[in-house]
Amino acid sequence: MDRRIDVALALGVTALGIFIIVFAQSIGRSPVPDPIGPRGIPTGLGTAFVLGGIALVARRVVRWRHEGTYVDPEGSQDDAGVPPGSARRALTIWLCAAIYVVLLPVVGYLIATPLFVAATLRLLHFKRQPILRVPAIVSYPILYTVISYAVFATLLGIRLPVGPLRDVFLMLTGR
């Protein structure tokens, strides 16, 4: 595979950024005083695209001197012991994400999230040292779910679906 496609995509991102900036200038003024204004976010986003695209082009051009422009075809071994990426695995992760979205309101965040995280870790062949002698495929999803729930529900006050645990949460909160 030819790495010059990376430069073409980066130039496309840069062109998209320029288009966004130009389009943002046609947005009219807001009748309500706003420090950013209606053009602020599109202009900032377009600027980020332009700067990111230019940085990607520069990085690729600098690396061409050391690596060349050819990449091994898909399916070749990148790192020892790590299986190559596959469309089947990517589509399965997408399917897991779709199932997660459907199950979230039904079974709740605290049940659906660790199942989703464990499934994706398994699909990605995640193997790390276990925490407290519990396999990583069990401990990491639970740890992630507890921490993310604490951050979003407790600290930020975002209401997450609790599913069948609704009565338990109502009893704990005294409502």
C-alpha atoms as a PDB file:
ATOM      1  CA  MET A   1       0.000   0.000   0.000  1.00  0.00           C
ATOM      2  CA  ASP A   2       1.233   3.470  -0.834  1.00  0.00           C
ATOM      3  CA  ARG A   3       1.592   5.967   2.021  1.00  0.00           C
ATOM      4  CA  ARG A   4       0.965   8.912  -0.271  1.00  0.00           C
ATOM      5  CA  ILE A   5      -2.734   8.359   0.401  1.00  0.00           C
ATOM      6  CA  ASP A   6      -2.054   9.742   3.901  1.00  0.00           C
ATOM      7  CA  VAL A   7      -0.924  13.023   2.353  1.00  0.00           C
ATOM      8  CA  ALA A   8      -3.974  13.135   0.096  1.00  0.00           C
ATOM      9  CA  LEU A   9      -6.304  12.602   3.079  1.00  0.00           C
ATOM     10  CA  ALA A  10      -4.462  15.240   5.124  1.00  0.00           C
ATOM     11  CA  LEU A  11      -4.781  17.703   2.245  1.00  0.00           C
ATOM     12  CA  GLY A  12      -8.491  16.863   2.118  1.00  0.00           C
ATOM     13  CA  VAL A  13      -8.814  17.664   5.833  1.00  0.00           C
ATOM     14  CA  THR A  14      -6.984  20.950   5.234  1.00  0.00           C
ATOM     15  CA  ALA A  15      -9.308  21.802   2.329  1.00  0.00           C
ATOM     16  CA  LEU A  16     -12.340  20.973   4.492  1.00  0.00           C
ATOM     17  CA  GLY A  17     -10.990  23.320   7.177  1.00  0.00           C
ATOM     18  CA  ILE A  18     -10.581  26.124   4.640  1.00  0.00           C
ATOM     19  CA  PHE A  19     -14.132  25.518   3.384  1.00  0.00           C
ATOM     20  CA  ILE A  20     -15.500  25.696   6.947  1.00  0.00           C
ATOM     21  CA  ILE A  21     -13.644  28.946   7.635  1.00  0.00           C
ATOM     22  CA  VAL A  22     -14.889  30.533   4.407  1.00  0.00           C
ATOM     23  CA  PHE A  23     -18.455  29.322   5.030  1.00  0.00           C
ATOM     24  CA  ALA A  24     -18.354  30.613   8.625  1.00  0.00           C
ATOM     25  CA  GLN A  25     -17.683  34.133   7.374  1.00  0.00           C
ATOM     26  CA  SER A  26     -21.078  34.127   5.632  1.00  0.00           C
ATOM     27  CA  ILE A  27     -22.911  33.551   8.922  1.00  0.00           C
ATOM     28  CA  GLY A  28     -24.708  36.724  10.008  1.00  0.00           C
ATOM     29  CA  ARG A  29     -24.287  38.523  13.292  1.00  0.00           C
ATOM     30  CA  SER A  30     -26.376  37.426  16.265  1.00  0.00           C
ATOM     31  CA  PRO A  31     -28.930  39.846  17.735  1.00  0.00           C
ATOM     32  CA  VAL A  32     -27.959  38.608  21.191  1.00  0.00           C
ATOM     33  CA  PRO A  33     -24.535  39.718  22.479  1.00  0.00           C
ATOM     34  CA  ASP A  34     -22.227  36.718  22.590  1.00  0.00           C
ATOM     35  CA  PRO A  35     -18.468  36.831  23.281  1.00  0.00           C
ATOM     36  CA  ILE A  36     -17.771  34.050  20.777  1.00  0.00           C
ATOM     37  CA  GLY A  37     -20.463  34.908  18.273  1.00  0.00           C
ATOM     38  CA  PRO A  38     -22.087  32.582  15.752  1.00  0.00           C
ATOM     39  CA  ARG A  39     -18.881  32.425  13.682  1.00  0.00           C
ATOM     40  CA  GLY A  40     -16.576  31.505  16.572  1.00  0.00           C
ATOM     41  CA  ILE A  41     -17.048  27.746  16.782  1.00  0.00           C
ATOM     42  CA  PRO A  42     -17.040  27.070  13.012  1.00  0.00           C
ATOM     43  CA  THR A  43     -13.974  29.280  12.581  1.00  0.00           C
ATOM     44  CA  GLY A  44     -12.188  27.547  15.454  1.00  0.00           C
ATOM     45  CA  LEU A  45     -13.114  24.115  14.101  1.00  0.00           C
ATOM     46  CA  GLY A  46     -11.966  25.054  10.592  1.00  0.00           C
ATOM     47  CA  THR A  47      -8.695  26.414  11.979  1.00  0.00           C
ATOM     48  CA  ALA A  48      -8.111  23.180  13.888  1.00  0.00           C
ATOM     49  CA  PHE A  49      -8.720  21.187  10.689  1.00  0.00           C
ATOM     50  CA  VAL A  50      -6.297  23.363   8.714  1.00  0.00           C
ATOM     51  CA  LEU A  51      -3.564  23.216  11.363  1.00  0.00           C
ATOM     52  CA  GLY A  52      -4.065  19.473  11.887  1.00  0.00           C
ATOM     53  CA  GLY A  53      -3.982  18.770   8.150  1.00  0.00           C
ATOM     54  CA  ILE A  54      -0.809  20.799   7.667  1.00  0.00           C
ATOM     55  CA  ALA A  55       0.811  19.044  10.633  1.00  0.00           C
ATOM     56  CA  LEU A  56      -0.089  15.621   9.199  1.00  0.00           C
ATOM     57  CA  VAL A  57       1.340  16.532   5.785  1.00  0.00           C
ATOM     58  CA  ALA A  58       4.554  17.828   7.360  1.00  0.00           C
ATOM     59  CA  ARG A  59       4.904  14.736   9.531  1.00  0.00           C
ATOM     60  CA  ARG A  60       4.409  12.372   6.600  1.00  0.00           C
ATOM     61  CA  VAL A  61       6.876  14.249   4.378  1.00  0.00           C
ATOM     62  CA  VAL A  62       9.526  14.190   7.127  1.00  0.00           C
ATOM     63  CA  ARG A  63       9.001  10.456   7.714  1.00  0.00           C
ATOM     64  CA  TRP A  64       9.292   9.637   4.004  1.00  0.00           C
ATOM     65  CA  ARG A  65      13.002  10.207   4.245  1.00  0.00           C
ATOM     66  CA  HIS A  66      13.357   7.396   6.779  1.00  0.00           C
ATOM     67  CA  GLU A  67      10.521   4.995   5.967  1.00  0.00           C
ATOM     68  CA  GLY A  68       9.801   5.364   2.282  1.00  0.00           C
ATOM     69  CA  THR A  69       6.320   5.485   0.807  1.00  0.00           C
ATOM     70  CA  TYR A  70       5.358   1.817   0.830  1.00  0.00           C
ATOM     71  CA  VAL A  71       3.476   0.009   3.620  1.00  0.00           C
ATOM     72  CA  ASP A  72       3.122  -3.767   3.896  1.00  0.00           C
ATOM     73  CA  PRO A  73      -0.302  -4.993   2.746  1.00  0.00           C
ATOM     74  CA  GLU A  74      -3.105  -5.484   5.247  1.00  0.00           C
ATOM     75  CA  GLY A  75      -3.074  -8.722   7.167  1.00  0.00           C
ATOM     76  CA  SER A  76       0.660  -8.734   7.748  1.00  0.00           C
ATOM     77  CA  GLN A  77       1.992  -9.034  11.270  1.00  0.00           C
ATOM     78  CA  ASP A  78       2.742  -5.564  12.721  1.00  0.00           C
ATOM     79  CA  ASP A  79       3.958  -6.503  16.182  1.00  0.00           C
ATOM     80  CA  ALA A  80       5.029  -9.907  17.417  1.00  0.00           C
ATOM     81  CA  GLY A  81       2.183 -11.619  19.256  1.00  0.00           C
ATOM     82  CA  VAL A  82      -0.447  -9.105  18.135  1.00  0.00           C
ATOM     83  CA  PRO A  83      -2.869 -10.385  15.502  1.00  0.00           C
ATOM     84  CA  PRO A  84      -3.387  -8.128  12.484  1.00  0.00           C
ATOM     85  CA  GLY A  85      -6.510  -6.017  12.225  1.00  0.00           C
ATOM     86  CA  SER A  86      -9.486  -7.455  10.443  1.00  0.00           C
ATOM     87  CA  ALA A  87     -12.756  -6.158   9.071  1.00  0.00           C
ATOM     88  CA  ARG A  88     -14.603  -8.911  10.941  1.00  0.00           C
ATOM     89  CA  ARG A  89     -13.270  -7.690  14.290  1.00  0.00           C
ATOM     90  CA  ALA A  90     -14.076  -4.054  13.481  1.00  0.00           C
ATOM     91  CA  LEU A  91     -17.622  -4.913  12.410  1.00  0.00           C
ATOM     92  CA  THR A  92     -18.109  -7.041  15.508  1.00  0.00           C
ATOM     93  CA  ILE A  93     -17.086  -4.114  17.706  1.00  0.00           C
ATOM     94  CA  TRP A  94     -19.563  -1.913  15.822  1.00  0.00           C
ATOM     95  CA  LEU A  95     -22.242  -4.541  16.418  1.00  0.00           C
ATOM     96  CA  CYS A  96     -21.354  -4.634  20.131  1.00  0.00           C
ATOM     97  CA  ALA A  97     -21.661  -0.834  20.256  1.00  0.00           C
ATOM     98  CA  ALA A  98     -25.088  -0.984  18.593  1.00  0.00           C
ATOM     99  CA  ILE A  99     -26.237  -3.653  21.056  1.00  0.00           C
ATOM    100  CA  TYR A 100     -24.879  -1.528  23.921  1.00  0.00           C
ATOM    101  CA  VAL A 101     -26.918   1.477  22.753  1.00  0.00           C
ATOM    102  CA  VAL A 102     -30.074  -0.644  22.554  1.00  0.00           C
ATOM    103  CA  LEU A 103     -29.506  -2.329  25.934  1.00  0.00           C
ATOM    104  CA  LEU A 104     -28.463   0.796  27.844  1.00  0.00           C
ATOM    105  CA  PRO A 105     -31.974   2.093  28.610  1.00  0.00           C
ATOM    106  CA  VAL A 106     -33.241  -1.438  29.272  1.00  0.00           C
ATOM    107  CA  VAL A 107     -30.601  -2.883  31.607  1.00  0.00           C
ATOM    108  CA  GLY A 108     -28.957   0.346  32.749  1.00  0.00           C
ATOM    109  CA  TYR A 109     -25.476   1.791  32.709  1.00  0.00           C
ATOM    110  CA  LEU A 110     -24.059  -0.298  35.543  1.00  0.00           C
ATOM    111  CA  ILE A 111     -24.952  -3.585  33.839  1.00  0.00           C
ATOM    112  CA  ALA A 112     -24.533  -2.763  30.130  1.00  0.00           C
ATOM    113  CA  THR A 113     -21.238  -0.879  30.362  1.00  0.00           C
ATOM    114  CA  PRO A 114     -19.044  -3.582  31.927  1.00  0.00           C
ATOM    115  CA  LEU A 115     -20.470  -6.135  29.472  1.00  0.00           C
ATOM    116  CA  PHE A 116     -19.665  -3.860  26.530  1.00  0.00           C
ATOM    117  CA  VAL A 117     -16.167  -3.020  27.786  1.00  0.00           C
ATOM    118  CA  ALA A 118     -15.396  -6.692  28.466  1.00  0.00           C
ATOM    119  CA  ALA A 119     -16.622  -7.704  25.012  1.00  0.00           C
ATOM    120  CA  THR A 120     -14.503  -5.089  23.256  1.00  0.00           C
ATOM    121  CA  LEU A 121     -11.443  -5.902  25.355  1.00  0.00           C
ATOM    122  CA  ARG A 122     -11.883  -9.552  24.417  1.00  0.00           C
ATOM    123  CA  LEU A 123     -12.265  -8.695  20.727  1.00  0.00           C
ATOM    124  CA  LEU A 124      -9.123  -6.568  20.875  1.00  0.00           C
ATOM    125  CA  HIS A 125      -7.195  -9.458  22.463  1.00  0.00           C
ATOM    126  CA  PHE A 126      -6.451  -7.352  25.538  1.00  0.00           C
ATOM    127  CA  LYS A 127      -4.076  -9.156  27.886  1.00  0.00           C
ATOM    128  CA  ARG A 128      -2.589  -7.290  30.832  1.00  0.00           C
ATOM    129  CA  GLN A 129      -1.629  -8.190  34.333  1.00  0.00           C
ATOM    130  CA  PRO A 130      -4.696  -8.881  36.484  1.00  0.00           C
ATOM    131  CA  ILE A 131      -5.671  -6.523  39.278  1.00  0.00           C
ATOM    132  CA  LEU A 132      -5.786  -8.199  42.695  1.00  0.00           C
ATOM    133  CA  ARG A 133      -5.677 -11.676  41.126  1.00  0.00           C
ATOM    134  CA  VAL A 134      -8.926 -11.069  39.246  1.00  0.00           C
ATOM    135  CA  PRO A 135      -8.599 -11.494  35.480  1.00  0.00           C
ATOM    136  CA  ALA A 136      -8.195  -8.216  33.606  1.00  0.00           C
ATOM    137  CA  ILE A 137     -11.203  -9.009  31.424  1.00  0.00           C
ATOM    138  CA  VAL A 138     -13.330  -8.799  34.610  1.00  0.00           C
ATOM    139  CA  SER A 139     -11.534  -6.207  36.736  1.00  0.00           C
ATOM    140  CA  TYR A 140     -10.908  -3.499  34.122  1.00  0.00           C
ATOM    141  CA  PRO A 141     -14.529  -3.216  32.912  1.00  0.00           C
ATOM    142  CA  ILE A 142     -15.817  -3.049  36.488  1.00  0.00           C
ATOM    143  CA  LEU A 143     -13.187  -0.484  37.457  1.00  0.00           C
ATOM    144  CA  TYR A 144     -13.960   1.602  34.368  1.00  0.00           C
ATOM    145  CA  THR A 145     -17.708   1.458  35.014  1.00  0.00           C
ATOM    146  CA  VAL A 146     -17.405   2.465  38.670  1.00  0.00           C
ATOM    147  CA  ILE A 147     -15.040   5.364  37.950  1.00  0.00           C
ATOM    148  CA  SER A 148     -17.004   6.656  34.951  1.00  0.00           C
ATOM    149  CA  TYR A 149     -20.279   6.389  36.854  1.00  0.00           C
ATOM    150  CA  ALA A 150     -18.780   8.281  39.792  1.00  0.00           C
ATOM    151  CA  VAL A 151     -17.510  11.036  37.499  1.00  0.00           C
ATOM    152  CA  PHE A 152     -20.618  11.457  35.372  1.00  0.00           C
ATOM    153  CA  ALA A 153     -23.437  10.694  37.807  1.00  0.00           C
ATOM    154  CA  THR A 154     -21.958  11.923  41.068  1.00  0.00           C
ATOM    155  CA  LEU A 155     -19.564  14.738  40.196  1.00  0.00           C
ATOM    156  CA  LEU A 156     -21.190  16.098  37.038  1.00  0.00           C
ATOM    157  CA  GLY A 157     -24.789  15.278  37.984  1.00  0.00           C
ATOM    158  CA  ILE A 158     -25.593  13.568  34.675  1.00  0.00           C
ATOM    159  CA  ARG A 159     -28.517  11.158  34.939  1.00  0.00           C
ATOM    160  CA  LEU A 160     -27.500   7.778  33.561  1.00  0.00           C
ATOM    161  CA  PRO A 161     -30.045   5.015  32.950  1.00  0.00           C
ATOM    162  CA  VAL A 162     -30.172   2.556  35.825  1.00  0.00           C
ATOM    163  CA  GLY A 163     -32.537  -0.036  34.351  1.00  0.00           C
ATOM    164  CA  PRO A 164     -33.722  -2.680  36.798  1.00  0.00           C
ATOM    165  CA  LEU A 165     -31.667  -1.058  39.578  1.00  0.00           C
ATOM    166  CA  ARG A 166     -34.040   1.933  39.608  1.00  0.00           C
ATOM    167  CA  ASP A 167     -35.734   0.956  42.875  1.00  0.00           C
ATOM    168  CA  VAL A 168     -32.367   0.463  44.594  1.00  0.00           C
ATOM    169  CA  PHE A 169     -31.230   3.933  43.491  1.00  0.00           C
ATOM    170  CA  LEU A 170     -34.502   5.519  44.608  1.00  0.00           C
ATOM    171  CA  MET A 171     -34.110   3.878  48.017  1.00  0.00           C
ATOM    172  CA  LEU A 172     -30.457   5.018  48.303  1.00  0.00           C
ATOM    173  CA  THR A 173     -31.246   8.603  47.322  1.00  0.00           C
ATOM    174  CA  GLY A 174     -34.325   8.761  49.557  1.00  0.00           C
ATOM    175  CA  ARG A 175     -36.776   9.715  46.827  1.00  0.00           C
END
